[in-house]
C-alpha cells in the first residue's frame, strides 16, 4: 500500500508541475469561444474596433478593457467578467 501511495504522489506532483489544467486567461477564454464557433479574428473586429488591437488581445499582449469585455459578453451571450482578469 505504501508503494502505491508513493507512486500516486509522484504522478500528482509531475502533473501539477507539467500540466497546468486550470490555467485560464481572458485571451484563452476568448480563443476558446472563437474556436468553438469556428470564428476568425475578422468576425470580432466590429466588436473590438480594430484588427490590430484584437490581434494583440488574442496574443495576450493587451488586456481586454471593461467596455470590450461587456461587448464581448453580449456578443457571446456570456457574462462580460469572463474576459476580465
C-alpha atoms as a PDB file:
ATOM      1  CA  UNK A   1       0.000   0.000   0.000  1.00  0.00           C
ATOM      2  CA  UNK A   2       2.828   2.364   0.800  1.00  0.00           C
ATOM      3  CA  UNK A   3       4.389   1.961  -2.654  1.00  0.00           C
ATOM      4  CA  UNK A   4       1.048   2.664  -4.306  1.00  0.00           C
ATOM      5  CA  UNK A   5       0.595   5.904  -2.321  1.00  0.00           C
ATOM      6  CA  UNK A   6       4.128   6.965  -3.178  1.00  0.00           C
ATOM      7  CA  UNK A   7       3.556   6.300  -6.872  1.00  0.00           C
ATOM      8  CA  UNK A   8       0.291   8.268  -6.848  1.00  0.00           C
ATOM      9  CA  UNK A   9       2.055  11.179  -5.132  1.00  0.00           C
ATOM     10  CA  UNK A  10       4.836  11.139  -7.741  1.00  0.00           C
ATOM     11  CA  UNK A  11       2.304  11.205 -10.566  1.00  0.00           C
ATOM     12  CA  UNK A  12       0.323  14.037  -8.964  1.00  0.00           C
ATOM     13  CA  UNK A  13       3.492  16.090  -8.439  1.00  0.00           C
ATOM     14  CA  UNK A  14       4.546  15.531 -12.049  1.00  0.00           C
ATOM     15  CA  UNK A  15       1.117  16.534 -13.381  1.00  0.00           C
ATOM     16  CA  UNK A  16       0.999  19.645 -11.189  1.00  0.00           C
ATOM     17  CA  UNK A  17       4.394  20.706 -12.478  1.00  0.00           C
ATOM     18  CA  UNK A  18       3.910  19.929 -16.184  1.00  0.00           C
ATOM     19  CA  UNK A  19       0.173  20.134 -16.841  1.00  0.00           C
ATOM     20  CA  UNK A  20      -1.493  23.266 -15.585  1.00  0.00           C
ATOM     21  CA  UNK A  21      -5.068  22.215 -16.261  1.00  0.00           C
ATOM     22  CA  UNK A  22      -6.800  25.079 -14.535  1.00  0.00           C
ATOM     23  CA  UNK A  23      -4.822  27.954 -16.014  1.00  0.00           C
ATOM     24  CA  UNK A  24      -7.092  30.269 -17.928  1.00  0.00           C
ATOM     25  CA  UNK A  25      -6.764  33.835 -19.078  1.00  0.00           C
ATOM     26  CA  UNK A  26      -9.258  36.161 -20.719  1.00  0.00           C
ATOM     27  CA  UNK A  27      -7.462  35.803 -24.060  1.00  0.00           C
ATOM     28  CA  UNK A  28      -7.553  31.993 -23.796  1.00  0.00           C
ATOM     29  CA  UNK A  29     -11.253  32.122 -22.967  1.00  0.00           C
ATOM     30  CA  UNK A  30     -11.838  34.342 -25.999  1.00  0.00           C
ATOM     31  CA  UNK A  31      -9.840  31.964 -28.206  1.00  0.00           C
ATOM     32  CA  UNK A  32     -11.848  29.022 -26.903  1.00  0.00           C
ATOM     33  CA  UNK A  33     -15.170  30.692 -27.670  1.00  0.00           C
ATOM     34  CA  UNK A  34     -13.957  31.620 -31.136  1.00  0.00           C
ATOM     35  CA  UNK A  35     -12.727  28.079 -31.849  1.00  0.00           C
ATOM     36  CA  UNK A  36     -15.926  26.536 -30.516  1.00  0.00           C
ATOM     37  CA  UNK A  37     -17.893  28.595 -33.037  1.00  0.00           C
ATOM     38  CA  UNK A  38     -15.317  28.318 -35.839  1.00  0.00           C
ATOM     39  CA  UNK A  39     -14.933  32.090 -35.949  1.00  0.00           C
ATOM     40  CA  UNK A  40     -11.917  34.018 -37.157  1.00  0.00           C
ATOM     41  CA  UNK A  41     -10.498  37.274 -35.826  1.00  0.00           C
ATOM     42  CA  UNK A  42     -12.230  39.153 -38.637  1.00  0.00           C
ATOM     43  CA  UNK A  43     -15.585  38.116 -37.140  1.00  0.00           C
ATOM     44  CA  UNK A  44     -14.841  40.110 -33.972  1.00  0.00           C
ATOM     45  CA  UNK A  45     -13.241  43.251 -35.389  1.00  0.00           C
ATOM     46  CA  UNK A  46     -16.552  45.100 -35.309  1.00  0.00           C
ATOM     47  CA  UNK A  47     -16.815  44.439 -31.565  1.00  0.00           C
ATOM     48  CA  UNK A  48     -13.250  45.393 -30.633  1.00  0.00           C
ATOM     49  CA  UNK A  49     -12.914  48.131 -33.236  1.00  0.00           C
ATOM     50  CA  UNK A  50      -9.517  47.322 -34.695  1.00  0.00           C
ATOM     51  CA  UNK A  51      -7.896  44.220 -36.099  1.00  0.00           C
ATOM     52  CA  UNK A  52      -4.545  45.290 -34.634  1.00  0.00           C
ATOM     53  CA  UNK A  53      -5.957  45.633 -31.123  1.00  0.00           C
ATOM     54  CA  UNK A  54      -7.857  42.363 -31.460  1.00  0.00           C
ATOM     55  CA  UNK A  55      -4.695  40.537 -32.564  1.00  0.00           C
ATOM     56  CA  UNK A  56      -2.809  41.895 -29.532  1.00  0.00           C
ATOM     57  CA  UNK A  57      -5.640  40.845 -27.216  1.00  0.00           C
ATOM     58  CA  UNK A  58      -5.716  37.333 -28.648  1.00  0.00           C
ATOM     59  CA  UNK A  59      -1.923  37.077 -28.396  1.00  0.00           C
ATOM     60  CA  UNK A  60      -2.130  38.193 -24.754  1.00  0.00           C
ATOM     61  CA  UNK A  61      -0.211  41.411 -25.390  1.00  0.00           C
ATOM     62  CA  UNK A  62      -3.147  43.658 -24.402  1.00  0.00           C
ATOM     63  CA  UNK A  63      -5.754  43.211 -21.716  1.00  0.00           C
ATOM     64  CA  UNK A  64      -9.414  43.430 -22.584  1.00  0.00           C
ATOM     65  CA  UNK A  65     -10.986  46.642 -21.321  1.00  0.00           C
ATOM     66  CA  UNK A  66     -14.225  46.660 -19.346  1.00  0.00           C
ATOM     67  CA  UNK A  67     -16.083  48.119 -22.330  1.00  0.00           C
ATOM     68  CA  UNK A  68     -14.680  45.448 -24.647  1.00  0.00           C
ATOM     69  CA  UNK A  69     -15.492  42.737 -22.099  1.00  0.00           C
ATOM     70  CA  UNK A  70     -19.082  43.920 -21.869  1.00  0.00           C
ATOM     71  CA  UNK A  71     -19.403  43.971 -25.681  1.00  0.00           C
ATOM     72  CA  UNK A  72     -17.834  40.507 -25.986  1.00  0.00           C
ATOM     73  CA  UNK A  73     -20.136  39.207 -23.258  1.00  0.00           C
ATOM     74  CA  UNK A  74     -23.194  40.435 -25.127  1.00  0.00           C
ATOM     75  CA  UNK A  75     -21.878  39.049 -28.406  1.00  0.00           C
ATOM     76  CA  UNK A  76     -21.143  35.589 -26.976  1.00  0.00           C
ATOM     77  CA  UNK A  77     -24.143  35.628 -24.582  1.00  0.00           C
ATOM     78  CA  UNK A  78     -21.931  35.177 -21.527  1.00  0.00           C
ATOM     79  CA  UNK A  79     -21.056  37.295 -18.511  1.00  0.00           C
ATOM     80  CA  UNK A  80     -18.590  40.003 -19.549  1.00  0.00           C
ATOM     81  CA  UNK A  81     -16.496  39.356 -16.435  1.00  0.00           C
ATOM     82  CA  UNK A  82     -15.302  36.191 -18.185  1.00  0.00           C
ATOM     83  CA  UNK A  83     -12.964  38.455 -20.175  1.00  0.00           C
ATOM     84  CA  UNK A  84     -11.541  40.392 -17.229  1.00  0.00           C
ATOM     85  CA  UNK A  85      -8.561  39.250 -15.106  1.00  0.00           C
END
